[in-house]
Amino acid sequence: MMKNSGKSLSANLSRRSTRLLTGPGVFLPESSSMLNISKNVTLNPLQESILEEIIEERERQRTMVADTGEDKRNSPADWIGKLVIWLGKAAQETPLSRGKGFSKTMYKNRLIQIAAICVAALEVLDDRD
């Protein structure tokens, strides 16, 4: 379990990131650069940094498919398929141990890409309700 810094989740994420997260329990006014999820949630600086990287990756992915509407056409099975493909890429590129040939940067980048795909799938799922 990660040790919590006690900092409340008014995470100072960049303004470009705040418009990306929506849904129950998330308050993101367009003019705000604060992310407020819940009064009961706190993040440490590492968690804040990771979430910001995921949000930035999701924005990058969104700009790639914005004109095609691909995200909205994907079924739940399509999203699972995408995740399996990207998990497979991460598995192929990452040795089983952190020994010779392990790239922490490449591994982290793949995990961030996978997390951003999960966010995309959740956005579409919530948008369909």
N, C-alpha and C. Protein backbone atom coordinates (compact mmCIF):
# COMPACT_ATOMS: atom_id res chain seq x y z
N MET A 1 0.83 -1.18 0.00
CA MET A 1 0.00 0.00 0.00
C MET A 1 0.88 1.25 0.00
N MET A 2 0.55 2.23 -0.84
CA MET A 2 1.34 3.44 -0.92
C MET A 2 1.10 4.33 0.28
N LYS A 3 2.16 4.95 0.76
CA LYS A 3 2.03 5.89 1.86
C LYS A 3 1.46 7.19 1.31
N ASN A 4 0.49 7.73 1.98
CA ASN A 4 -0.19 8.93 1.53
C ASN A 4 0.46 10.15 2.13
N SER A 5 0.67 11.15 1.31
CA SER A 5 1.29 12.38 1.79
C SER A 5 0.33 13.24 2.58
N GLY A 6 -0.96 12.90 2.57
CA GLY A 6 -1.95 13.68 3.27
C GLY A 6 -2.46 14.86 2.47
N LYS A 7 -1.93 15.07 1.30
CA LYS A 7 -2.35 16.18 0.45
C LYS A 7 -3.72 15.87 -0.13
N SER A 8 -4.63 16.81 -0.05
CA SER A 8 -5.97 16.57 -0.58
C SER A 8 -5.92 16.52 -2.09
N LEU A 9 -6.93 15.93 -2.69
CA LEU A 9 -6.94 15.76 -4.13
C LEU A 9 -7.47 16.99 -4.85
N SER A 10 -6.87 18.08 -4.59
CA SER A 10 -7.07 19.24 -5.43
C SER A 10 -5.78 19.31 -6.23
N ALA A 11 -5.56 18.25 -6.97
CA ALA A 11 -4.31 18.09 -7.70
C ALA A 11 -4.19 19.18 -8.75
N ASN A 12 -3.09 19.84 -8.75
CA ASN A 12 -2.86 20.89 -9.73
C ASN A 12 -2.42 20.27 -11.04
N LEU A 13 -3.40 19.89 -11.83
CA LEU A 13 -3.10 19.36 -13.14
C LEU A 13 -3.24 20.48 -14.15
N SER A 14 -2.58 20.33 -15.25
CA SER A 14 -2.59 21.40 -16.24
C SER A 14 -4.00 21.65 -16.76
N ARG A 15 -4.25 22.87 -17.19
CA ARG A 15 -5.57 23.25 -17.68
C ARG A 15 -5.99 22.36 -18.84
N ARG A 16 -5.05 21.99 -19.72
CA ARG A 16 -5.42 21.15 -20.87
C ARG A 16 -5.90 19.78 -20.41
N SER A 17 -5.48 19.36 -19.23
CA SER A 17 -5.87 18.06 -18.72
C SER A 17 -7.25 18.06 -18.08
N THR A 18 -7.68 19.20 -17.55
CA THR A 18 -8.91 19.20 -16.77
C THR A 18 -10.14 18.91 -17.60
N ARG A 19 -10.14 19.19 -18.88
CA ARG A 19 -11.33 18.95 -19.67
C ARG A 19 -11.46 17.50 -20.10
N LEU A 20 -10.48 16.67 -19.79
CA LEU A 20 -10.48 15.29 -20.24
C LEU A 20 -11.26 14.34 -19.34
N LEU A 21 -11.34 14.63 -18.07
CA LEU A 21 -12.00 13.72 -17.14
C LEU A 21 -13.40 14.21 -16.82
N THR A 22 -14.36 13.37 -17.01
CA THR A 22 -15.72 13.71 -16.64
C THR A 22 -16.37 12.48 -16.04
N GLY A 23 -17.47 12.67 -15.37
CA GLY A 23 -18.19 11.54 -14.82
C GLY A 23 -18.59 11.78 -13.39
N PRO A 24 -19.25 10.80 -12.79
CA PRO A 24 -19.74 10.93 -11.43
C PRO A 24 -18.61 11.26 -10.45
N GLY A 25 -18.84 12.24 -9.61
CA GLY A 25 -17.87 12.58 -8.58
C GLY A 25 -16.73 13.45 -9.05
N VAL A 26 -16.74 13.86 -10.32
CA VAL A 26 -15.65 14.68 -10.83
C VAL A 26 -16.20 16.05 -11.16
N PHE A 27 -15.61 17.08 -10.59
CA PHE A 27 -16.02 18.45 -10.83
C PHE A 27 -14.90 19.14 -11.59
N LEU A 28 -15.15 19.45 -12.84
CA LEU A 28 -14.12 20.05 -13.67
C LEU A 28 -14.66 21.25 -14.44
N PRO A 29 -14.80 22.40 -13.81
CA PRO A 29 -15.22 23.56 -14.57
C PRO A 29 -14.15 23.90 -15.60
N GLU A 30 -14.57 24.33 -16.77
CA GLU A 30 -13.65 24.62 -17.87
C GLU A 30 -12.60 25.64 -17.45
N SER A 31 -12.95 26.57 -16.61
CA SER A 31 -12.01 27.62 -16.23
C SER A 31 -11.06 27.20 -15.11
N SER A 32 -11.28 26.04 -14.55
CA SER A 32 -10.47 25.60 -13.41
C SER A 32 -9.30 24.76 -13.87
N SER A 33 -8.22 24.83 -13.11
CA SER A 33 -7.09 23.95 -13.36
C SER A 33 -6.93 22.96 -12.20
N MET A 34 -8.00 22.72 -11.48
CA MET A 34 -7.97 21.83 -10.33
C MET A 34 -8.80 20.58 -10.62
N LEU A 35 -8.33 19.47 -10.13
CA LEU A 35 -9.05 18.21 -10.25
C LEU A 35 -9.56 17.83 -8.88
N ASN A 36 -10.88 17.79 -8.73
CA ASN A 36 -11.49 17.44 -7.45
C ASN A 36 -12.32 16.18 -7.64
N ILE A 37 -11.88 15.07 -7.09
CA ILE A 37 -12.61 13.83 -7.26
C ILE A 37 -13.52 13.58 -6.07
N SER A 38 -13.01 13.64 -4.89
CA SER A 38 -13.81 13.35 -3.71
C SER A 38 -13.12 13.95 -2.49
N LYS A 39 -13.91 14.32 -1.51
CA LYS A 39 -13.33 14.83 -0.27
C LYS A 39 -12.55 13.75 0.46
N ASN A 40 -12.85 12.50 0.21
CA ASN A 40 -12.22 11.40 0.93
C ASN A 40 -10.99 10.84 0.23
N VAL A 41 -10.62 11.40 -0.90
CA VAL A 41 -9.50 10.87 -1.67
C VAL A 41 -8.31 11.82 -1.57
N THR A 42 -7.16 11.25 -1.30
CA THR A 42 -5.94 12.03 -1.32
C THR A 42 -4.93 11.33 -2.20
N LEU A 43 -4.09 12.10 -2.83
CA LEU A 43 -3.05 11.57 -3.69
C LEU A 43 -1.69 12.05 -3.22
N ASN A 44 -0.70 11.20 -3.39
CA ASN A 44 0.65 11.66 -3.13
C ASN A 44 1.20 12.24 -4.44
N PRO A 45 2.32 12.93 -4.41
CA PRO A 45 2.85 13.56 -5.61
C PRO A 45 3.12 12.58 -6.76
N LEU A 46 3.54 11.37 -6.44
CA LEU A 46 3.78 10.37 -7.48
C LEU A 46 2.48 10.01 -8.19
N GLN A 47 1.41 9.80 -7.43
CA GLN A 47 0.11 9.48 -8.02
C GLN A 47 -0.38 10.63 -8.90
N GLU A 48 -0.21 11.86 -8.44
CA GLU A 48 -0.62 13.02 -9.23
C GLU A 48 0.12 13.05 -10.56
N SER A 49 1.42 12.79 -10.50
CA SER A 49 2.24 12.80 -11.70
C SER A 49 1.81 11.72 -12.69
N ILE A 50 1.54 10.53 -12.18
CA ILE A 50 1.10 9.42 -13.03
C ILE A 50 -0.23 9.74 -13.69
N LEU A 51 -1.18 10.26 -12.92
CA LEU A 51 -2.48 10.61 -13.49
C LEU A 51 -2.36 11.69 -14.55
N GLU A 52 -1.49 12.65 -14.33
CA GLU A 52 -1.30 13.69 -15.34
C GLU A 52 -0.74 13.09 -16.63
N GLU A 53 0.20 12.16 -16.52
CA GLU A 53 0.76 11.51 -17.71
C GLU A 53 -0.31 10.72 -18.46
N ILE A 54 -1.19 10.05 -17.73
CA ILE A 54 -2.28 9.30 -18.37
C ILE A 54 -3.22 10.25 -19.09
N ILE A 55 -3.55 11.36 -18.46
CA ILE A 55 -4.44 12.34 -19.07
C ILE A 55 -3.81 12.93 -20.32
N GLU A 56 -2.53 13.24 -20.27
CA GLU A 56 -1.84 13.78 -21.45
C GLU A 56 -1.82 12.76 -22.59
N GLU A 57 -1.59 11.49 -22.25
CA GLU A 57 -1.61 10.44 -23.28
C GLU A 57 -3.00 10.28 -23.87
N ARG A 58 -4.02 10.37 -23.03
CA ARG A 58 -5.40 10.27 -23.53
C ARG A 58 -5.68 11.42 -24.49
N GLU A 59 -5.21 12.60 -24.18
CA GLU A 59 -5.40 13.74 -25.08
C GLU A 59 -4.69 13.49 -26.42
N ARG A 60 -3.48 12.94 -26.35
CA ARG A 60 -2.74 12.61 -27.58
C ARG A 60 -3.53 11.60 -28.41
N GLN A 61 -4.05 10.57 -27.75
CA GLN A 61 -4.85 9.56 -28.46
C GLN A 61 -6.12 10.18 -29.04
N ARG A 62 -6.74 11.07 -28.28
CA ARG A 62 -7.98 11.71 -28.74
C ARG A 62 -7.73 12.52 -30.01
N THR A 63 -6.62 13.23 -30.08
CA THR A 63 -6.33 14.03 -31.27
C THR A 63 -6.08 13.15 -32.49
N MET A 64 -5.60 11.93 -32.26
CA MET A 64 -5.34 11.01 -33.38
C MET A 64 -6.63 10.47 -33.99
N VAL A 65 -7.70 10.33 -33.19
CA VAL A 65 -8.94 9.74 -33.70
C VAL A 65 -10.11 10.73 -33.73
N ALA A 66 -9.82 12.00 -33.44
CA ALA A 66 -10.89 13.00 -33.31
C ALA A 66 -11.76 13.09 -34.56
N ASP A 67 -11.16 13.10 -35.72
CA ASP A 67 -11.92 13.26 -36.96
C ASP A 67 -12.56 11.97 -37.44
N THR A 68 -12.07 10.84 -36.96
CA THR A 68 -12.56 9.56 -37.48
C THR A 68 -13.76 9.04 -36.70
N GLY A 69 -13.92 9.47 -35.47
CA GLY A 69 -15.01 8.97 -34.64
C GLY A 69 -14.81 7.52 -34.22
N GLU A 70 -13.58 7.03 -34.34
CA GLU A 70 -13.28 5.62 -34.05
C GLU A 70 -13.67 5.22 -32.63
N ASP A 71 -13.39 6.09 -31.66
CA ASP A 71 -13.69 5.74 -30.26
C ASP A 71 -15.15 5.38 -30.08
N LYS A 72 -16.04 6.16 -30.65
CA LYS A 72 -17.48 5.94 -30.45
C LYS A 72 -17.98 4.70 -31.18
N ARG A 73 -17.28 4.27 -32.21
CA ARG A 73 -17.70 3.08 -32.95
C ARG A 73 -17.25 1.79 -32.29
N ASN A 74 -16.31 1.87 -31.36
CA ASN A 74 -15.79 0.66 -30.71
C ASN A 74 -16.81 0.07 -29.74
N SER A 75 -16.99 -1.22 -29.83
CA SER A 75 -17.84 -1.94 -28.89
C SER A 75 -17.00 -2.31 -27.67
N PRO A 76 -17.65 -2.77 -26.59
CA PRO A 76 -16.86 -3.24 -25.44
C PRO A 76 -15.84 -4.32 -25.84
N ALA A 77 -16.22 -5.21 -26.74
CA ALA A 77 -15.29 -6.25 -27.19
C ALA A 77 -14.10 -5.64 -27.94
N ASP A 78 -14.36 -4.57 -28.71
CA ASP A 78 -13.27 -3.89 -29.42
C ASP A 78 -12.26 -3.31 -28.42
N TRP A 79 -12.79 -2.70 -27.35
CA TRP A 79 -11.91 -2.12 -26.34
C TRP A 79 -11.08 -3.20 -25.65
N ILE A 80 -11.71 -4.32 -25.33
CA ILE A 80 -10.95 -5.43 -24.72
C ILE A 80 -9.86 -5.90 -25.68
N GLY A 81 -10.20 -6.00 -26.95
CA GLY A 81 -9.21 -6.40 -27.95
C GLY A 81 -8.04 -5.44 -28.01
N LYS A 82 -8.33 -4.14 -27.98
CA LYS A 82 -7.25 -3.14 -27.99
C LYS A 82 -6.35 -3.30 -26.76
N LEU A 83 -6.98 -3.51 -25.62
CA LEU A 83 -6.19 -3.68 -24.40
C LEU A 83 -5.31 -4.92 -24.46
N VAL A 84 -5.86 -6.01 -24.98
CA VAL A 84 -5.08 -7.25 -25.10
C VAL A 84 -3.89 -7.03 -26.03
N ILE A 85 -4.12 -6.32 -27.14
CA ILE A 85 -3.02 -6.04 -28.08
C ILE A 85 -1.92 -5.23 -27.39
N TRP A 86 -2.30 -4.17 -26.70
CA TRP A 86 -1.30 -3.32 -26.06
C TRP A 86 -0.64 -4.01 -24.87
N LEU A 87 -1.38 -4.83 -24.14
CA LEU A 87 -0.75 -5.63 -23.07
C LEU A 87 0.24 -6.62 -23.67
N GLY A 88 -0.12 -7.19 -24.81
CA GLY A 88 0.80 -8.10 -25.50
C GLY A 88 2.07 -7.41 -25.93
N LYS A 89 1.93 -6.17 -26.45
CA LYS A 89 3.12 -5.40 -26.84
C LYS A 89 4.01 -5.15 -25.63
N ALA A 90 3.39 -4.79 -24.51
CA ALA A 90 4.16 -4.54 -23.30
C ALA A 90 4.88 -5.82 -22.86
N ALA A 91 4.19 -6.95 -22.96
CA ALA A 91 4.79 -8.23 -22.56
C ALA A 91 5.95 -8.61 -23.47
N GLN A 92 5.80 -8.38 -24.78
CA GLN A 92 6.87 -8.72 -25.73
C GLN A 92 8.10 -7.85 -25.54
N GLU A 93 7.87 -6.60 -25.20
CA GLU A 93 8.99 -5.65 -25.10
C GLU A 93 9.67 -5.65 -23.74
N THR A 94 9.06 -6.31 -22.76
CA THR A 94 9.57 -6.26 -21.40
C THR A 94 10.08 -7.63 -20.98
N PRO A 95 11.37 -7.73 -20.67
CA PRO A 95 11.87 -9.01 -20.15
C PRO A 95 11.17 -9.36 -18.84
N LEU A 96 11.16 -10.64 -18.50
CA LEU A 96 10.49 -11.09 -17.29
C LEU A 96 11.14 -10.56 -16.01
N SER A 97 12.40 -10.20 -16.09
CA SER A 97 13.07 -9.63 -14.93
C SER A 97 13.55 -8.22 -15.28
N ARG A 98 13.95 -7.49 -14.29
CA ARG A 98 14.43 -6.13 -14.52
C ARG A 98 15.93 -6.15 -14.80
N GLY A 99 16.40 -7.21 -15.38
CA GLY A 99 17.82 -7.33 -15.69
C GLY A 99 18.17 -6.64 -17.00
N LYS A 100 19.17 -7.20 -17.66
CA LYS A 100 19.66 -6.64 -18.91
C LYS A 100 18.53 -6.57 -19.94
N GLY A 101 18.44 -5.47 -20.61
CA GLY A 101 17.42 -5.29 -21.64
C GLY A 101 16.14 -4.64 -21.14
N PHE A 102 15.99 -4.48 -19.82
CA PHE A 102 14.78 -3.86 -19.29
C PHE A 102 14.86 -2.35 -19.45
N SER A 103 13.82 -1.77 -20.02
CA SER A 103 13.75 -0.33 -20.16
C SER A 103 12.58 0.18 -19.31
N LYS A 104 12.91 0.79 -18.21
CA LYS A 104 11.88 1.33 -17.32
C LYS A 104 11.03 2.37 -18.07
N THR A 105 11.67 3.19 -18.88
CA THR A 105 10.95 4.22 -19.63
C THR A 105 9.97 3.62 -20.61
N MET A 106 10.39 2.62 -21.37
CA MET A 106 9.51 1.99 -22.34
C MET A 106 8.36 1.27 -21.64
N TYR A 107 8.66 0.58 -20.56
CA TYR A 107 7.64 -0.13 -19.79
C TYR A 107 6.60 0.86 -19.23
N LYS A 108 7.08 1.94 -18.65
CA LYS A 108 6.19 2.96 -18.11
C LYS A 108 5.33 3.56 -19.21
N ASN A 109 5.93 3.86 -20.36
CA ASN A 109 5.16 4.44 -21.48
C ASN A 109 4.06 3.50 -21.94
N ARG A 110 4.34 2.22 -22.02
CA ARG A 110 3.31 1.24 -22.42
C ARG A 110 2.17 1.20 -21.40
N LEU A 111 2.52 1.20 -20.11
CA LEU A 111 1.48 1.18 -19.08
C LEU A 111 0.61 2.43 -19.13
N ILE A 112 1.22 3.56 -19.40
CA ILE A 112 0.45 4.81 -19.53
C ILE A 112 -0.46 4.74 -20.74
N GLN A 113 0.02 4.20 -21.86
CA GLN A 113 -0.82 4.04 -23.04
C GLN A 113 -2.00 3.12 -22.75
N ILE A 114 -1.75 2.04 -22.04
CA ILE A 114 -2.81 1.09 -21.70
C ILE A 114 -3.84 1.76 -20.78
N ALA A 115 -3.37 2.50 -19.80
CA ALA A 115 -4.28 3.19 -18.89
C ALA A 115 -5.14 4.22 -19.64
N ALA A 116 -4.54 4.90 -20.60
CA ALA A 116 -5.29 5.89 -21.39
C ALA A 116 -6.35 5.20 -22.26
N ILE A 117 -6.05 4.01 -22.76
CA ILE A 117 -7.05 3.26 -23.53
C ILE A 117 -8.20 2.87 -22.61
N CYS A 118 -7.90 2.49 -21.37
CA CYS A 118 -8.96 2.20 -20.40
C CYS A 118 -9.84 3.43 -20.18
N VAL A 119 -9.23 4.60 -20.06
CA VAL A 119 -10.00 5.84 -19.89
C VAL A 119 -10.90 6.05 -21.10
N ALA A 120 -10.38 5.84 -22.30
CA ALA A 120 -11.18 6.01 -23.52
C ALA A 120 -12.39 5.08 -23.52
N ALA A 121 -12.17 3.83 -23.15
CA ALA A 121 -13.26 2.86 -23.11
C ALA A 121 -14.32 3.29 -22.09
N LEU A 122 -13.89 3.79 -20.95
CA LEU A 122 -14.84 4.25 -19.93
C LEU A 122 -15.60 5.49 -20.40
N GLU A 123 -14.92 6.38 -21.10
CA GLU A 123 -15.61 7.57 -21.64
C GLU A 123 -16.73 7.16 -22.58
N VAL A 124 -16.43 6.25 -23.48
CA VAL A 124 -17.43 5.80 -24.44
C VAL A 124 -18.57 5.08 -23.73
N LEU A 125 -18.24 4.23 -22.77
CA LEU A 125 -19.24 3.51 -22.02
C LEU A 125 -20.18 4.47 -21.29
N ASP A 126 -19.62 5.47 -20.61
CA ASP A 126 -20.45 6.44 -19.90
C ASP A 126 -21.24 7.32 -20.85
N ASP A 127 -20.67 7.60 -22.03
CA ASP A 127 -21.35 8.44 -23.01
C ASP A 127 -22.55 7.73 -23.63
N ARG A 128 -22.53 6.40 -23.65
CA ARG A 128 -23.62 5.62 -24.26
C ARG A 128 -24.83 5.50 -23.35
N ASP A 129 -24.66 5.73 -22.06
CA ASP A 129 -25.78 5.60 -21.10
C ASP A 129 -26.79 6.73 -21.25
